[in-house]
Structures are given as C-alpha cells and as structure tokens.
Amino acid sequence: MKSVIRGTGSYLPEKILTNFDLEKMVETSDAWIRERTGIQCRHIADKEEYTSTLAIHAAKEALKNAHLTGEDIDLIILATTTPDDTTPATAVRVQEAIGMTHGFAFDIQAACSGFMYALNVANQFILNKSIKTALVIGAETLSRIVDWKDRNTCVLFGDGAGAAVISASTEEDGEAGILDIVLHSDGRFRNLLTTTGGVSRTQTTGYVLMEGREVFRHAVMNLTDVAEEVLNRTHTDKNTVDFLVPHQANVRIIEGTAKKLNIPMERVIVTLTEHGNTSAASIPLALHHGIASGKLKKGHLILLDAMGGGFTWAGALIRL
C-alpha cells in the first residue's frame, strides 16, 4: 500500500506586485531582480485575506479535483510560517470551512520545506492505517513579515497556497503513489535564514532576514544531495525521472540543481516567475500548476525537493 495523490488545488491573491512597482518603493530595478532571481511579479494578499483564506481556496479546489468533500477527509496538516493566530492552528479554520466535523487538524512549521514535511507526516498516518484520506496544505502570507524597505528580501517573497489530497492506494492505482520522502535539518545554520523577532523571544513577528550568498550556496548543495539520496533509496535512475518540481526560490538555484542532477530545464516545473518565493506554498503551487497545465500526467515519475530556514530540506519521489 502507498499514498496516492487524488487531487491538487492552488490559490493566488488577485493583487499583483510587479518589479516595476518595487522600483518605486526601494532602490532596485526590474532588470536586477530578473537577472538575479528570475522573478517578474508576486501576489500580495488583501488586508481581509489571511493565510487561512488562501488555504481554504486551495483546499476546496483540491477536494473538487479529487471528487471528495470535507466529510471524506480524516486529517488536515497545514504547513505555514505565517499562521493566522498564535493559537489555535490555522488548520482548524480550514477544517471548519470545508465541513469536516471528525478527524483532526494541525499546523506544521518547517519554513520552505513545510509542505514536504507535512506530506511525509500525512503519508505515515496513511501507511500505519490510522487514517484513510488526508488534506495537505502549504499556505503563506509572507508579505506580512517582509520588510518592504529591505531591497534584498522584499523582492523575493509573495503570498499563495497550494493543497493536495492523498489517500491509500487501491489495486486500480497500479504503480502510482508516494515512493519515498527524505527529510533533513541542521540548526547550526538557523541564523542564515530567519526573522528578526518571535513570540517568545521578542513578542513580535519580526521581518525576514537572510544571508543570500550563503543560503544560495547551501541550497544548491542540499537540494542536489537530497534529490540523489531519495533516488538512491528507491533504486531509481535519474534518467527515468519525467519532471523535477523544485522549491521556487531563485531560478539560478533551480538551474544549478537541475544541472547537477543532469535534468534538462524543459523537464523542470518553474513557476516563480509569476509569484516569487511562497515558502511552504511553493511546492504544492508548482505541483498543481504542472498537473493543471497538462505537463505532469498520470504515470509520470516526479522528483520534488525543497529547502528553507532551519536549515530544513527535503526530497520526495512520486509516481502520479
């Protein structure tokens, strides 16, 4: 038995902030941002939109595409760095909104690797037969913790949400399913990508703070290593991978990782151009885009990898 992806969904706020808009806010330029990141624009949540708002939209679309309702879901795990409240979990707001009155829901925090961590936890609940069906969400309103006067970070991040419904496989699924997920973290590098505040430490949310050059170096190395690790653990030839779905942080990181894995860019899903780095929402947004656009098809072997603050990083191999 394996966990199989039944449906995916996504949501991006209507408001779009372009590089040209940022030129009026900080000392930067469209050319500078594109050259160094590949980002052209990002979506920004309205004042009345919260992380739960985005998550609910993505969740409902995932349920629709899976041909299920909230009553079919046994578990919700929501990965986020920007929850609605300190407590309760943002996941319970989604639980209420989709009409799920049984089971359980909780949040998880692993920065940009959050969705992968959540997917692994949900997968384990299914494999040990504690539940049958789970809703896994990555949702962020990073615009709330970005210092819009810091040109080194404000150009990078955006808001969004992505979701996936997974359930136990049946005979009809054939080889489809989550083949393996690998998780890592190393707290020695926590200060290279962090925030300036926190509930216990400063009683504030703080702003994103990043040592860009060091993060870039670690990202290419860790993303390559974890991808190769999951391929080795599953005895999979990298040449049989149909698509790479990486964390959408920087196009140069994506290109560097793809090159080291010998995967051509035409077999890589790239979405950051239109929405920047959405942290925990990044992987599910890219996954849904690939499926909705028809690039990712049933039977395809998909390699996912992500890295975020902590440092945390993760890789997964999935057969659609």
C-alpha atoms as a PDB file:
ATOM      1  CA  MET A   1       0.000   0.000   0.000  1.00  0.00           C
ATOM      2  CA  LYS A   2       1.122   3.533  -0.830  1.00  0.00           C
ATOM      3  CA  SER A   3      -0.342   7.028  -0.515  1.00  0.00           C
ATOM      4  CA  VAL A   4      -1.655   8.359  -3.814  1.00  0.00           C
ATOM      5  CA  ILE A   5      -2.292  11.984  -4.800  1.00  0.00           C
ATOM      6  CA  ARG A   6      -6.016  12.236  -5.631  1.00  0.00           C
ATOM      7  CA  GLY A   7      -6.280  15.928  -6.433  1.00  0.00           C
ATOM      8  CA  THR A   8      -4.466  19.230  -6.127  1.00  0.00           C
ATOM      9  CA  GLY A   9      -5.502  22.866  -5.866  1.00  0.00           C
ATOM     10  CA  SER A  10      -3.984  26.322  -5.572  1.00  0.00           C
ATOM     11  CA  TYR A  11      -4.833  29.926  -4.865  1.00  0.00           C
ATOM     12  CA  LEU A  12      -3.014  33.205  -5.520  1.00  0.00           C
ATOM     13  CA  PRO A  13      -4.371  36.569  -4.343  1.00  0.00           C
ATOM     14  CA  GLU A  14      -5.647  38.913  -7.050  1.00  0.00           C
ATOM     15  CA  LYS A  15      -3.297  41.787  -6.218  1.00  0.00           C
ATOM     16  CA  ILE A  16      -0.069  41.607  -8.219  1.00  0.00           C
ATOM     17  CA  LEU A  17       3.096  43.477  -7.290  1.00  0.00           C
ATOM     18  CA  THR A  18       5.467  43.749 -10.263  1.00  0.00           C
ATOM     19  CA  ASN A  19       9.165  44.504 -10.335  1.00  0.00           C
ATOM     20  CA  PHE A  20       8.280  47.900 -11.773  1.00  0.00           C
ATOM     21  CA  ASP A  21       6.097  48.556  -8.732  1.00  0.00           C
ATOM     22  CA  LEU A  22       9.051  47.712  -6.496  1.00  0.00           C
ATOM     23  CA  GLU A  23      11.233  50.188  -8.397  1.00  0.00           C
ATOM     24  CA  LYS A  24       9.033  52.913  -6.875  1.00  0.00           C
ATOM     25  CA  MET A  25       9.399  51.502  -3.347  1.00  0.00           C
ATOM     26  CA  VAL A  26      13.087  50.603  -2.962  1.00  0.00           C
ATOM     27  CA  GLU A  27      16.362  51.085  -4.819  1.00  0.00           C
ATOM     28  CA  THR A  28      16.118  48.234  -7.309  1.00  0.00           C
ATOM     29  CA  SER A  29      15.211  47.549 -10.940  1.00  0.00           C
ATOM     30  CA  ASP A  30      13.268  45.044 -12.981  1.00  0.00           C
ATOM     31  CA  ALA A  31      16.467  44.015 -14.770  1.00  0.00           C
ATOM     32  CA  TRP A  32      18.349  43.491 -11.488  1.00  0.00           C
ATOM     33  CA  ILE A  33      15.583  41.330  -9.988  1.00  0.00           C
ATOM     34  CA  ARG A  34      15.112  39.221 -13.126  1.00  0.00           C
ATOM     35  CA  GLU A  35      18.831  38.639 -13.580  1.00  0.00           C
ATOM     36  CA  ARG A  36      19.438  37.527 -10.010  1.00  0.00           C
ATOM     37  CA  THR A  37      16.186  35.720  -9.211  1.00  0.00           C
ATOM     38  CA  GLY A  38      14.092  35.174 -12.338  1.00  0.00           C
ATOM     39  CA  ILE A  39      11.089  36.739 -10.593  1.00  0.00           C
ATOM     40  CA  GLN A  40       8.874  39.148 -12.517  1.00  0.00           C
ATOM     41  CA  CYS A  41       5.999  39.624 -10.078  1.00  0.00           C
ATOM     42  CA  ARG A  42       4.437  38.293  -6.896  1.00  0.00           C
ATOM     43  CA  HIS A  43       0.889  38.117  -5.474  1.00  0.00           C
ATOM     44  CA  ILE A  44       0.025  40.036  -2.314  1.00  0.00           C
ATOM     45  CA  ALA A  45      -2.897  39.183  -0.023  1.00  0.00           C
ATOM     46  CA  ASP A  46      -5.526  41.830   0.594  1.00  0.00           C
ATOM     47  CA  LYS A  47      -5.930  43.159   4.145  1.00  0.00           C
ATOM     48  CA  GLU A  48      -9.019  40.987   4.554  1.00  0.00           C
ATOM     49  CA  GLU A  49      -7.237  37.871   3.271  1.00  0.00           C
ATOM     50  CA  TYR A  50      -5.405  35.732   5.797  1.00  0.00           C
ATOM     51  CA  THR A  51      -3.317  32.578   5.465  1.00  0.00           C
ATOM     52  CA  SER A  52      -6.478  30.588   6.218  1.00  0.00           C
ATOM     53  CA  THR A  53      -8.342  32.418   3.430  1.00  0.00           C
ATOM     54  CA  LEU A  54      -5.759  31.337   0.870  1.00  0.00           C
ATOM     55  CA  ALA A  55      -5.578  27.820   2.307  1.00  0.00           C
ATOM     56  CA  ILE A  56      -9.355  27.359   2.173  1.00  0.00           C
ATOM     57  CA  HIS A  57      -9.495  28.325  -1.515  1.00  0.00           C
ATOM     58  CA  ALA A  58      -6.707  25.874  -2.374  1.00  0.00           C
ATOM     59  CA  ALA A  59      -8.255  23.138  -0.217  1.00  0.00           C
ATOM     60  CA  LYS A  60     -11.659  23.430  -1.855  1.00  0.00           C
ATOM     61  CA  GLU A  61     -10.142  23.200  -5.326  1.00  0.00           C
ATOM     62  CA  ALA A  62      -8.100  20.137  -4.324  1.00  0.00           C
ATOM     63  CA  LEU A  63     -11.222  18.472  -2.923  1.00  0.00           C
ATOM     64  CA  LYS A  64     -13.158  19.259  -6.095  1.00  0.00           C
ATOM     65  CA  ASN A  65     -10.419  17.778  -8.274  1.00  0.00           C
ATOM     66  CA  ALA A  66     -10.285  14.698  -6.048  1.00  0.00           C
ATOM     67  CA  HIS A  67     -14.098  14.357  -6.278  1.00  0.00           C
ATOM     68  CA  LEU A  68     -14.338  14.410  -2.482  1.00  0.00           C
ATOM     69  CA  THR A  69     -15.895  16.567   0.251  1.00  0.00           C
ATOM     70  CA  GLY A  70     -14.729  17.686   3.662  1.00  0.00           C
ATOM     71  CA  GLU A  71     -16.502  14.729   5.245  1.00  0.00           C
ATOM     72  CA  ASP A  72     -14.172  12.393   3.343  1.00  0.00           C
ATOM     73  CA  ILE A  73     -11.078  13.904   4.988  1.00  0.00           C
ATOM     74  CA  ASP A  74      -9.656  12.360   8.165  1.00  0.00           C
ATOM     75  CA  LEU A  75      -6.679  14.658   8.639  1.00  0.00           C
ATOM     76  CA  ILE A  76      -5.580  18.180   7.682  1.00  0.00           C
ATOM     77  CA  ILE A  77      -1.950  19.238   8.002  1.00  0.00           C
ATOM     78  CA  LEU A  78      -1.233  22.854   7.129  1.00  0.00           C
ATOM     79  CA  ALA A  79       2.370  23.953   6.664  1.00  0.00           C
ATOM     80  CA  THR A  80       2.983  27.640   7.258  1.00  0.00           C
ATOM     81  CA  THR A  81       5.386  30.179   8.716  1.00  0.00           C
ATOM     82  CA  THR A  82       2.646  32.809   8.815  1.00  0.00           C
ATOM     83  CA  PRO A  83      -0.336  31.391  10.751  1.00  0.00           C
ATOM     84  CA  ASP A  84      -3.476  33.431  11.331  1.00  0.00           C
ATOM     85  CA  ASP A  85      -3.043  33.273  15.091  1.00  0.00           C
ATOM     86  CA  THR A  86      -0.508  32.073  17.625  1.00  0.00           C
ATOM     87  CA  THR A  87      -3.246  29.646  18.612  1.00  0.00           C
ATOM     88  CA  PRO A  88      -5.350  27.843  17.519  1.00  0.00           C
ATOM     89  CA  ALA A  89      -3.830  26.220  14.453  1.00  0.00           C
ATOM     90  CA  THR A  90      -4.785  27.708  11.102  1.00  0.00           C
ATOM     91  CA  ALA A  91      -5.655  24.150  10.008  1.00  0.00           C
ATOM     92  CA  VAL A  92      -8.747  24.110  12.198  1.00  0.00           C
ATOM     93  CA  ARG A  93     -10.101  27.149  10.336  1.00  0.00           C
ATOM     94  CA  VAL A  94      -9.789  25.119   7.141  1.00  0.00           C
ATOM     95  CA  GLN A  95     -11.440  22.177   8.881  1.00  0.00           C
ATOM     96  CA  GLU A  96     -14.464  24.286   9.715  1.00  0.00           C
ATOM     97  CA  ALA A  97     -14.640  25.872   6.262  1.00  0.00           C
ATOM     98  CA  ILE A  98     -14.703  22.574   4.345  1.00  0.00           C
ATOM     99  CA  GLY A  99     -17.303  20.968   6.623  1.00  0.00           C
ATOM    100  CA  MET A 100     -15.006  18.400   8.214  1.00  0.00           C
ATOM    101  CA  THR A 101     -16.525  17.550  11.612  1.00  0.00           C
ATOM    102  CA  HIS A 102     -14.448  14.500  12.519  1.00  0.00           C
ATOM    103  CA  GLY A 103     -10.780  13.559  12.451  1.00  0.00           C
ATOM    104  CA  PHE A 104      -8.091  16.063  13.394  1.00  0.00           C
ATOM    105  CA  ALA A 105      -6.148  19.039  12.049  1.00  0.00           C
ATOM    106  CA  PHE A 106      -2.903  20.758  12.964  1.00  0.00           C
ATOM    107  CA  ASP A 107      -0.171  23.076  11.649  1.00  0.00           C
ATOM    108  CA  ILE A 108       3.470  22.297  10.988  1.00  0.00           C
ATOM    109  CA  GLN A 109       6.397  24.722  10.658  1.00  0.00           C
ATOM    110  CA  ALA A 110       9.455  23.853   8.581  1.00  0.00           C
ATOM    111  CA  ALA A 111       9.738  27.051   6.508  1.00  0.00           C
ATOM    112  CA  CYS A 112      10.028  26.420   2.760  1.00  0.00           C
ATOM    113  CA  SER A 113      10.256  22.648   3.317  1.00  0.00           C
ATOM    114  CA  GLY A 114       6.986  22.705   5.270  1.00  0.00           C
ATOM    115  CA  PHE A 115       4.762  21.101   2.643  1.00  0.00           C
ATOM    116  CA  MET A 116       7.224  18.230   2.215  1.00  0.00           C
ATOM    117  CA  TYR A 117       7.368  17.681   5.976  1.00  0.00           C
ATOM    118  CA  ALA A 118       3.557  17.754   6.140  1.00  0.00           C
ATOM    119  CA  LEU A 119       3.277  15.355   3.219  1.00  0.00           C
ATOM    120  CA  ASN A 120       5.579  12.892   4.946  1.00  0.00           C
ATOM    121  CA  VAL A 121       3.641  13.054   8.216  1.00  0.00           C
ATOM    122  CA  ALA A 122       0.320  12.522   6.409  1.00  0.00           C
ATOM    123  CA  ASN A 123       1.871   9.675   4.438  1.00  0.00           C
ATOM    124  CA  GLN A 124       2.924   7.930   7.649  1.00  0.00           C
ATOM    125  CA  PHE A 125      -0.596   8.205   9.102  1.00  0.00           C
ATOM    126  CA  ILE A 126      -1.949   6.515   5.974  1.00  0.00           C
ATOM    127  CA  LEU A 127       0.723   3.808   5.876  1.00  0.00           C
ATOM    128  CA  ASN A 128       0.104   2.840   9.508  1.00  0.00           C
ATOM    129  CA  LYS A 129      -3.640   2.747   8.746  1.00  0.00           C
ATOM    130  CA  SER A 130      -4.554   5.423  11.302  1.00  0.00           C
ATOM    131  CA  ILE A 131      -6.431   7.322   8.585  1.00  0.00           C
ATOM    132  CA  LYS A 132      -7.575   6.804   5.003  1.00  0.00           C
ATOM    133  CA  THR A 133      -7.517  10.295   3.471  1.00  0.00           C
ATOM    134  CA  ALA A 134      -5.571  13.471   4.236  1.00  0.00           C
ATOM    135  CA  LEU A 135      -5.548  17.050   3.034  1.00  0.00           C
ATOM    136  CA  VAL A 136      -2.042  18.537   2.974  1.00  0.00           C
ATOM    137  CA  ILE A 137      -1.691  22.298   2.517  1.00  0.00           C
ATOM    138  CA  GLY A 138       1.112  24.816   2.187  1.00  0.00           C
ATOM    139  CA  ALA A 139      -0.088  28.402   2.690  1.00  0.00           C
ATOM    140  CA  GLU A 140       1.674  31.694   3.356  1.00  0.00           C
ATOM    141  CA  THR A 141       1.096  35.429   3.655  1.00  0.00           C
ATOM    142  CA  LEU A 142       4.783  36.290   3.646  1.00  0.00           C
ATOM    143  CA  SER A 143       4.008  39.891   2.744  1.00  0.00           C
ATOM    144  CA  ARG A 144       3.119  40.315   6.448  1.00  0.00           C
ATOM    145  CA  ILE A 145       6.691  39.521   7.591  1.00  0.00           C
ATOM    146  CA  VAL A 146       8.643  41.215   4.796  1.00  0.00           C
ATOM    147  CA  ASP A 147      10.423  44.499   5.425  1.00  0.00           C
ATOM    148  CA  TRP A 148       9.349  46.490   2.378  1.00  0.00           C
ATOM    149  CA  LYS A 149      12.311  48.810   2.870  1.00  0.00           C
ATOM    150  CA  ASP A 150      14.838  45.970   2.561  1.00  0.00           C
ATOM    151  CA  ARG A 151      15.572  45.577  -1.138  1.00  0.00           C
ATOM    152  CA  ASN A 152      17.488  42.331  -0.552  1.00  0.00           C
ATOM    153  CA  THR A 153      14.423  40.463   0.712  1.00  0.00           C
ATOM    154  CA  CYS A 154      11.251  42.278  -0.315  1.00  0.00           C
ATOM    155  CA  VAL A 155      11.781  41.444  -3.996  1.00  0.00           C
ATOM    156  CA  LEU A 156      11.787  37.713  -3.290  1.00  0.00           C
ATOM    157  CA  PHE A 157       8.593  36.791  -1.490  1.00  0.00           C
ATOM    158  CA  GLY A 158       4.891  36.534  -2.249  1.00  0.00           C
ATOM    159  CA  ASP A 159       1.643  35.088  -0.916  1.00  0.00           C
ATOM    160  CA  GLY A 160      -0.186  31.951  -2.016  1.00  0.00           C
ATOM    161  CA  ALA A 161      -1.452  28.491  -1.131  1.00  0.00           C
ATOM    162  CA  GLY A 162      -1.366  25.014  -2.598  1.00  0.00           C
ATOM    163  CA  ALA A 163      -3.028  21.793  -1.485  1.00  0.00           C
ATOM    164  CA  ALA A 164      -3.077  18.089  -2.210  1.00  0.00           C
ATOM    165  CA  VAL A 165      -5.475  15.321  -1.215  1.00  0.00           C
ATOM    166  CA  ILE A 166      -3.810  11.961  -0.626  1.00  0.00           C
ATOM    167  CA  SER A 167      -5.305   8.596   0.270  1.00  0.00           C
ATOM    168  CA  ALA A 168      -4.384   4.926   0.473  1.00  0.00           C
ATOM    169  CA  SER A 169      -3.777   3.208  -2.838  1.00  0.00           C
ATOM    170  CA  THR A 170      -6.012   0.544  -4.350  1.00  0.00           C
ATOM    171  CA  GLU A 171      -5.371  -2.108  -6.998  1.00  0.00           C
ATOM    172  CA  GLU A 172      -6.662   0.319  -9.626  1.00  0.00           C
ATOM    173  CA  ASP A 173      -3.813   2.743  -8.871  1.00  0.00           C
ATOM    174  CA  GLY A 174      -1.143   0.392 -10.173  1.00  0.00           C
ATOM    175  CA  GLU A 175       2.338   1.838  -9.564  1.00  0.00           C
ATOM    176  CA  ALA A 176       1.063   5.301  -8.587  1.00  0.00           C
ATOM    177  CA  GLY A 177       1.932   6.629  -5.167  1.00  0.00           C
ATOM    178  CA  ILE A 178       4.494   8.294  -2.915  1.00  0.00           C
ATOM    179  CA  LEU A 179       7.593   6.136  -3.277  1.00  0.00           C
ATOM    180  CA  ASP A 180       9.755   7.826  -0.648  1.00  0.00           C
ATOM    181  CA  ILE A 181      10.279  11.095   1.226  1.00  0.00           C
ATOM    182  CA  VAL A 182      13.529  12.171   2.883  1.00  0.00           C
ATOM    183  CA  LEU A 183      13.709  14.953   5.496  1.00  0.00           C
ATOM    184  CA  HIS A 184      16.712  16.791   6.944  1.00  0.00           C
ATOM    185  CA  SER A 185      17.517  19.786   9.132  1.00  0.00           C
ATOM    186  CA  ASP A 186      20.639  21.403  10.581  1.00  0.00           C
ATOM    187  CA  GLY A 187      20.165  24.022  13.276  1.00  0.00           C
ATOM    188  CA  ARG A 188      23.758  25.240  13.031  1.00  0.00           C
ATOM    189  CA  PHE A 189      22.676  27.389  10.088  1.00  0.00           C
ATOM    190  CA  ARG A 190      19.428  28.723  11.562  1.00  0.00           C
ATOM    191  CA  ASN A 191      20.640  32.348  11.602  1.00  0.00           C
ATOM    192  CA  LEU A 192      21.318  32.423   7.862  1.00  0.00           C
ATOM    193  CA  LEU A 193      17.593  32.485   7.090  1.00  0.00           C
ATOM    194  CA  THR A 194      15.457  33.654   9.976  1.00  0.00           C
ATOM    195  CA  THR A 195      13.283  36.503  11.245  1.00  0.00           C
ATOM    196  CA  THR A 196      14.192  39.437  13.454  1.00  0.00           C
ATOM    197  CA  GLY A 197      11.525  38.542  16.010  1.00  0.00           C
ATOM    198  CA  GLY A 198       9.339  35.842  17.512  1.00  0.00           C
ATOM    199  CA  VAL A 199       6.559  35.328  20.046  1.00  0.00           C
ATOM    200  CA  SER A 200       8.726  34.068  22.905  1.00  0.00           C
ATOM    201  CA  ARG A 201      11.925  35.944  22.105  1.00  0.00           C
ATOM    202  CA  THR A 202      10.709  39.455  21.256  1.00  0.00           C
ATOM    203  CA  GLN A 203       6.896  39.282  21.459  1.00  0.00           C
ATOM    204  CA  THR A 204       6.791  40.402  17.801  1.00  0.00           C
ATOM    205  CA  THR A 205       6.602  38.620  14.466  1.00  0.00           C
ATOM    206  CA  GLY A 206       9.693  40.349  13.100  1.00  0.00           C
ATOM    207  CA  TYR A 207      10.877  40.529   9.490  1.00  0.00           C
ATOM    208  CA  VAL A 208      12.569  38.018   7.225  1.00  0.00           C
ATOM    209  CA  LEU A 209      16.360  38.209   7.439  1.00  0.00           C
ATOM    210  CA  MET A 210      18.596  36.320   5.010  1.00  0.00           C
ATOM    211  CA  GLU A 211      22.276  35.923   4.183  1.00  0.00           C
ATOM    212  CA  GLY A 212      21.596  35.490   0.484  1.00  0.00           C
ATOM    213  CA  ARG A 213      25.015  34.310  -0.723  1.00  0.00           C
ATOM    214  CA  GLU A 214      25.357  31.659   1.982  1.00  0.00           C
ATOM    215  CA  VAL A 215      21.779  30.459   1.533  1.00  0.00           C
ATOM    216  CA  PHE A 216      22.365  30.113  -2.224  1.00  0.00           C
ATOM    217  CA  ARG A 217      25.478  28.003  -1.675  1.00  0.00           C
ATOM    218  CA  HIS A 218      23.805  25.664   0.785  1.00  0.00           C
ATOM    219  CA  ALA A 219      20.632  25.448  -1.313  1.00  0.00           C
ATOM    220  CA  VAL A 220      22.236  24.049  -4.462  1.00  0.00           C
ATOM    221  CA  MET A 221      24.295  21.574  -2.437  1.00  0.00           C
ATOM    222  CA  ASN A 222      21.477  20.391  -0.159  1.00  0.00           C
ATOM    223  CA  LEU A 223      18.836  20.192  -2.884  1.00  0.00           C
ATOM    224  CA  THR A 224      21.127  18.130  -5.089  1.00  0.00           C
ATOM    225  CA  ASP A 225      22.169  15.845  -2.248  1.00  0.00           C
ATOM    226  CA  VAL A 226      18.629  15.158  -1.023  1.00  0.00           C
ATOM    227  CA  ALA A 227      17.401  14.502  -4.563  1.00  0.00           C
ATOM    228  CA  GLU A 228      20.190  11.985  -5.121  1.00  0.00           C
ATOM    229  CA  GLU A 229      19.500  10.447  -1.727  1.00  0.00           C
ATOM    230  CA  VAL A 230      15.840   9.764  -2.469  1.00  0.00           C
ATOM    231  CA  LEU A 231      16.768   8.381  -5.898  1.00  0.00           C
ATOM    232  CA  ASN A 232      19.345   6.066  -4.335  1.00  0.00           C
ATOM    233  CA  ARG A 233      16.966   4.913  -1.607  1.00  0.00           C
ATOM    234  CA  THR A 234      14.389   3.925  -4.224  1.00  0.00           C
ATOM    235  CA  HIS A 235      16.991   2.487  -6.617  1.00  0.00           C
ATOM    236  CA  THR A 236      15.816   4.922  -9.292  1.00  0.00           C
ATOM    237  CA  ASP A 237      17.878   6.019 -12.288  1.00  0.00           C
ATOM    238  CA  LYS A 238      17.714   9.820 -12.531  1.00  0.00           C
ATOM    239  CA  ASN A 239      17.255   9.466 -16.289  1.00  0.00           C
ATOM    240  CA  THR A 240      13.857   7.850 -15.685  1.00  0.00           C
ATOM    241  CA  VAL A 241      12.549  10.933 -13.834  1.00  0.00           C
ATOM    242  CA  ASP A 242       9.967  12.680 -16.000  1.00  0.00           C
ATOM    243  CA  PHE A 243       9.916  16.025 -14.152  1.00  0.00           C
ATOM    244  CA  LEU A 244      11.652  17.860 -11.342  1.00  0.00           C
ATOM    245  CA  VAL A 245       9.338  20.010  -9.190  1.00  0.00           C
ATOM    246  CA  PRO A 246      11.673  22.147  -7.064  1.00  0.00           C
ATOM    247  CA  HIS A 247      11.113  24.787  -4.431  1.00  0.00           C
ATOM    248  CA  GLN A 248      10.569  28.083  -6.243  1.00  0.00           C
ATOM    249  CA  ALA A 249      13.036  30.453  -4.585  1.00  0.00           C
ATOM    250  CA  ASN A 250      15.511  31.527  -7.231  1.00  0.00           C
ATOM    251  CA  VAL A 251      15.807  30.458 -10.865  1.00  0.00           C
ATOM    252  CA  ARG A 252      19.599  30.243 -10.535  1.00  0.00           C
ATOM    253  CA  ILE A 253      19.228  27.765  -7.668  1.00  0.00           C
ATOM    254  CA  ILE A 254      16.785  25.738  -9.766  1.00  0.00           C
ATOM    255  CA  GLU A 255      19.094  25.786 -12.784  1.00  0.00           C
ATOM    256  CA  GLY A 256      22.113  24.863 -10.664  1.00  0.00           C
ATOM    257  CA  THR A 257      20.302  21.935  -9.056  1.00  0.00           C
ATOM    258  CA  ALA A 258      18.932  20.682 -12.384  1.00  0.00           C
ATOM    259  CA  LYS A 259      22.398  20.867 -13.932  1.00  0.00           C
ATOM    260  CA  LYS A 260      23.971  18.850 -11.120  1.00  0.00           C
ATOM    261  CA  LEU A 261      21.190  16.244 -11.452  1.00  0.00           C
ATOM    262  CA  ASN A 262      21.594  16.223 -15.251  1.00  0.00           C
ATOM    263  CA  ILE A 263      17.901  17.060 -15.717  1.00  0.00           C
ATOM    264  CA  PRO A 264      17.251  19.459 -18.643  1.00  0.00           C
ATOM    265  CA  MET A 265      15.266  22.599 -17.839  1.00  0.00           C
ATOM    266  CA  GLU A 266      12.448  21.546 -20.186  1.00  0.00           C
ATOM    267  CA  ARG A 267      11.749  18.805 -17.621  1.00  0.00           C
ATOM    268  CA  VAL A 268      11.650  21.226 -14.680  1.00  0.00           C
ATOM    269  CA  ILE A 269       8.484  22.962 -13.459  1.00  0.00           C
ATOM    270  CA  VAL A 270       9.246  26.666 -12.964  1.00  0.00           C
ATOM    271  CA  THR A 271       6.545  28.990 -11.606  1.00  0.00           C
ATOM    272  CA  LEU A 272       8.460  31.559  -9.526  1.00  0.00           C
ATOM    273  CA  THR A 273       8.463  33.975 -12.464  1.00  0.00           C
ATOM    274  CA  GLU A 274       4.822  34.763 -11.712  1.00  0.00           C
ATOM    275  CA  HIS A 275       4.653  34.524  -7.917  1.00  0.00           C
ATOM    276  CA  GLY A 276       8.131  34.566  -6.392  1.00  0.00           C
ATOM    277  CA  ASN A 277       9.046  32.555  -3.319  1.00  0.00           C
ATOM    278  CA  THR A 278       5.903  31.474  -1.456  1.00  0.00           C
ATOM    279  CA  SER A 279       7.762  29.315   1.081  1.00  0.00           C
ATOM    280  CA  ALA A 280       5.616  26.334   2.191  1.00  0.00           C
ATOM    281  CA  ALA A 281       3.152  27.024  -0.635  1.00  0.00           C
ATOM    282  CA  SER A 282       5.870  26.811  -3.275  1.00  0.00           C
ATOM    283  CA  ILE A 283       5.951  23.051  -3.940  1.00  0.00           C
ATOM    284  CA  PRO A 284       2.165  22.459  -3.972  1.00  0.00           C
ATOM    285  CA  LEU A 285       1.657  25.547  -6.184  1.00  0.00           C
ATOM    286  CA  ALA A 286       4.212  24.232  -8.680  1.00  0.00           C
ATOM    287  CA  LEU A 287       2.804  20.706  -8.484  1.00  0.00           C
ATOM    288  CA  HIS A 288      -0.736  21.892  -9.161  1.00  0.00           C
ATOM    289  CA  HIS A 289       0.451  24.125 -11.987  1.00  0.00           C
ATOM    290  CA  GLY A 290       2.202  21.176 -13.599  1.00  0.00           C
ATOM    291  CA  ILE A 291      -0.878  18.974 -13.346  1.00  0.00           C
ATOM    292  CA  ALA A 292      -3.379  21.663 -14.373  1.00  0.00           C
ATOM    293  CA  SER A 293      -1.252  22.679 -17.369  1.00  0.00           C
ATOM    294  CA  GLY A 294      -1.036  19.092 -18.594  1.00  0.00           C
ATOM    295  CA  LYS A 295       2.738  18.857 -18.232  1.00  0.00           C
ATOM    296  CA  LEU A 296       2.505  16.380 -15.380  1.00  0.00           C
ATOM    297  CA  LYS A 297       0.478  13.362 -16.413  1.00  0.00           C
ATOM    298  CA  LYS A 298      -0.717  10.134 -14.863  1.00  0.00           C
ATOM    299  CA  GLY A 299       2.158   7.682 -14.726  1.00  0.00           C
ATOM    300  CA  HIS A 300       4.869  10.346 -14.632  1.00  0.00           C
ATOM    301  CA  LEU A 301       7.704   9.929 -12.155  1.00  0.00           C
ATOM    302  CA  ILE A 302       8.116  13.215 -10.274  1.00  0.00           C
ATOM    303  CA  LEU A 303      11.069  14.326  -8.156  1.00  0.00           C
ATOM    304  CA  LEU A 304      10.374  17.065  -5.593  1.00  0.00           C
ATOM    305  CA  ASP A 305      12.880  18.937  -3.451  1.00  0.00           C
ATOM    306  CA  ALA A 306      12.810  21.954  -1.161  1.00  0.00           C
ATOM    307  CA  MET A 307      14.993  23.855   1.295  1.00  0.00           C
ATOM    308  CA  GLY A 308      14.154  26.540   3.831  1.00  0.00           C
ATOM    309  CA  GLY A 309      15.054  28.230   7.093  1.00  0.00           C
ATOM    310  CA  GLY A 310      16.353  25.998   9.825  1.00  0.00           C
ATOM    311  CA  PHE A 311      18.028  24.895   7.642  1.00  0.00           C
ATOM    312  CA  THR A 312      15.438  22.330   6.621  1.00  0.00           C
ATOM    313  CA  TRP A 313      15.482  20.420   3.356  1.00  0.00           C
ATOM    314  CA  ALA A 314      13.567  17.528   1.844  1.00  0.00           C
ATOM    315  CA  GLY A 315      13.200  15.352  -1.235  1.00  0.00           C
ATOM    316  CA  ALA A 316      10.431  13.089  -2.484  1.00  0.00           C
ATOM    317  CA  LEU A 317       9.803  10.718  -5.359  1.00  0.00           C
ATOM    318  CA  ILE A 318       6.206  10.314  -6.502  1.00  0.00           C
ATOM    319  CA  ARG A 319       4.513   8.354  -9.277  1.00  0.00           C
ATOM    320  CA  LEU A 320       1.375  10.197 -10.416  1.00  0.00           C
END
